[in-house]
Protein backbone atom coordinates (compact mmCIF):
# COMPACT_ATOMS: atom_id res chain seq x y z
CA MET A 1 37.72 -26.41 22.61
CA ASP A 2 40.09 -26.05 24.82
CA PRO A 3 38.50 -25.48 28.67
CA ARG A 4 41.51 -22.45 29.32
CA ASP A 5 39.99 -20.18 26.75
CA GLY A 6 37.47 -19.55 29.62
CA PRO A 7 33.62 -19.33 29.23
CA THR A 8 31.75 -19.44 26.18
CA LEU A 9 28.95 -17.14 25.97
CA ALA A 10 25.68 -18.41 24.38
CA VAL A 11 24.24 -16.02 21.32
CA ARG A 12 20.72 -15.64 21.78
CA MET A 13 17.86 -15.29 19.53
CA PRO A 14 15.01 -12.62 20.61
CA ALA A 15 11.57 -14.31 21.14
CA ARG A 16 9.63 -13.89 18.23
CA ARG A 17 6.57 -11.39 19.01
CA PRO A 18 3.03 -13.32 18.51
CA LYS A 19 0.88 -12.28 15.68
CA VAL A 20 -2.07 -9.99 16.50
CA VAL A 21 -5.05 -11.65 15.42
CA SER A 22 -8.13 -9.29 14.61
CA THR A 23 -11.50 -11.38 15.36
CA LYS A 24 -12.98 -8.37 12.90
CA PRO A 25 -13.31 -9.22 9.29
CA ILE A 26 -10.68 -7.23 6.99
CA VAL A 27 -12.11 -6.09 3.50
CA VAL A 28 -10.15 -4.76 0.60
CA ARG A 29 -11.77 -1.47 -0.95
CA LEU A 30 -11.23 0.04 -4.27
CA VAL A 31 -11.24 3.86 -4.96
CA GLU A 32 -10.89 4.94 -8.48
CA ALA A 33 -8.93 7.82 -8.99
CA THR A 34 -7.18 9.94 -12.08
CA GLY A 35 -4.22 11.82 -11.46
CA ASN A 36 -1.58 14.03 -14.63
CA SER A 37 1.88 15.04 -14.85
CA THR A 38 4.25 17.27 -17.12
CA LYS A 39 7.23 14.27 -16.14
CA SER A 40 6.21 11.40 -16.43
CA TRP A 41 3.81 8.26 -16.49
CA ASP A 42 4.67 6.89 -13.07
CA ALA A 43 4.57 10.51 -11.81
CA ALA A 44 0.89 10.55 -12.88
CA VAL A 45 0.38 7.02 -11.19
CA LEU A 46 1.41 8.86 -8.32
CA ALA A 47 -0.84 12.01 -8.63
CA ALA A 48 -3.68 9.88 -8.97
CA VAL A 49 -2.58 7.76 -5.65
CA LYS A 50 -2.25 11.21 -3.96
CA ALA A 51 -5.78 11.96 -5.30
CA ALA A 52 -7.74 9.13 -4.26
CA LYS A 53 -7.20 10.45 -0.21
CA VAL A 54 -6.45 6.78 0.92
CA LYS A 55 -4.66 6.56 4.34
CA ALA A 56 -3.09 3.74 3.73
CA PRO A 57 -3.17 2.37 0.34
CA VAL A 58 -1.83 -1.01 -0.02
CA GLY A 59 -2.30 -1.48 -3.92
CA VAL A 60 -2.77 0.14 -7.30
CA GLU A 61 -4.19 -1.45 -10.43
CA VAL A 62 -3.31 0.86 -13.63
CA GLY A 63 -6.35 0.91 -15.78
CA ARG A 64 -5.09 3.39 -18.38
CA LEU A 65 -2.92 5.52 -19.64
CA TRP A 66 -2.96 8.65 -22.35
CA ALA A 67 -0.92 11.34 -22.54
CA GLU A 68 -1.89 14.93 -24.82
CA LEU A 69 1.07 15.58 -27.38
CA ASP A 70 2.63 19.00 -28.51
CA GLY A 71 3.51 18.94 -32.07
CA ALA A 72 5.66 15.53 -32.07
CA ARG A 73 5.83 15.58 -28.41
CA LEU A 74 4.37 13.94 -24.79
CA SER A 75 3.76 16.99 -23.00
CA ARG A 76 1.14 16.01 -19.92
CA TYR A 77 0.95 12.16 -19.11
CA HIS A 78 -2.19 10.95 -17.66
CA ALA A 79 -3.08 7.87 -15.64
CA SER A 80 -6.48 6.54 -14.31
CA VAL A 81 -6.00 3.69 -11.50
CA LYS A 82 -8.10 1.85 -8.85
CA VAL A 83 -6.32 2.47 -4.90
CA ALA A 84 -6.58 -0.58 -2.65
CA TYR A 85 -7.07 0.02 0.95
CA ARG A 86 -7.81 -2.04 3.71
CA GLU A 87 -10.65 -1.84 5.97
CA VAL A 88 -11.62 -3.17 9.27
CA GLN A 89 -15.11 -4.32 9.25
CA ARG A 90 -17.72 -2.93 11.98
CA SER A 91 -19.38 -6.25 13.89
CA SER A 92 -22.88 -7.02 11.47
CA VAL A 93 -24.84 -8.00 15.25
CA ARG A 94 -26.77 -5.09 16.50
CA ALA A 95 -27.33 -4.75 20.55
CA SER A 96 -30.84 -5.65 21.37
CA ARG A 97 -33.27 -3.02 22.71
């Protein structure tokens, strides 16, 4: 580098925030639900997730897909799913009386 180019600026990366570590155990729970749609399998699965009424789902396991027939055509799609969500456990230690 030529000193006549002027001062150089160092690029600084922002510091990483430390991860917040919960002292309480986290449990993943499952809720079973079913949903249906006249559009597609995907829409039936999404309807089942909505029917589970889980605040913050983290995953879904599709257990069974089936459909109703209207002649040679699929008329209604159904899905049976398990929706996973995280739950922080309450402390199992009770306060003494």
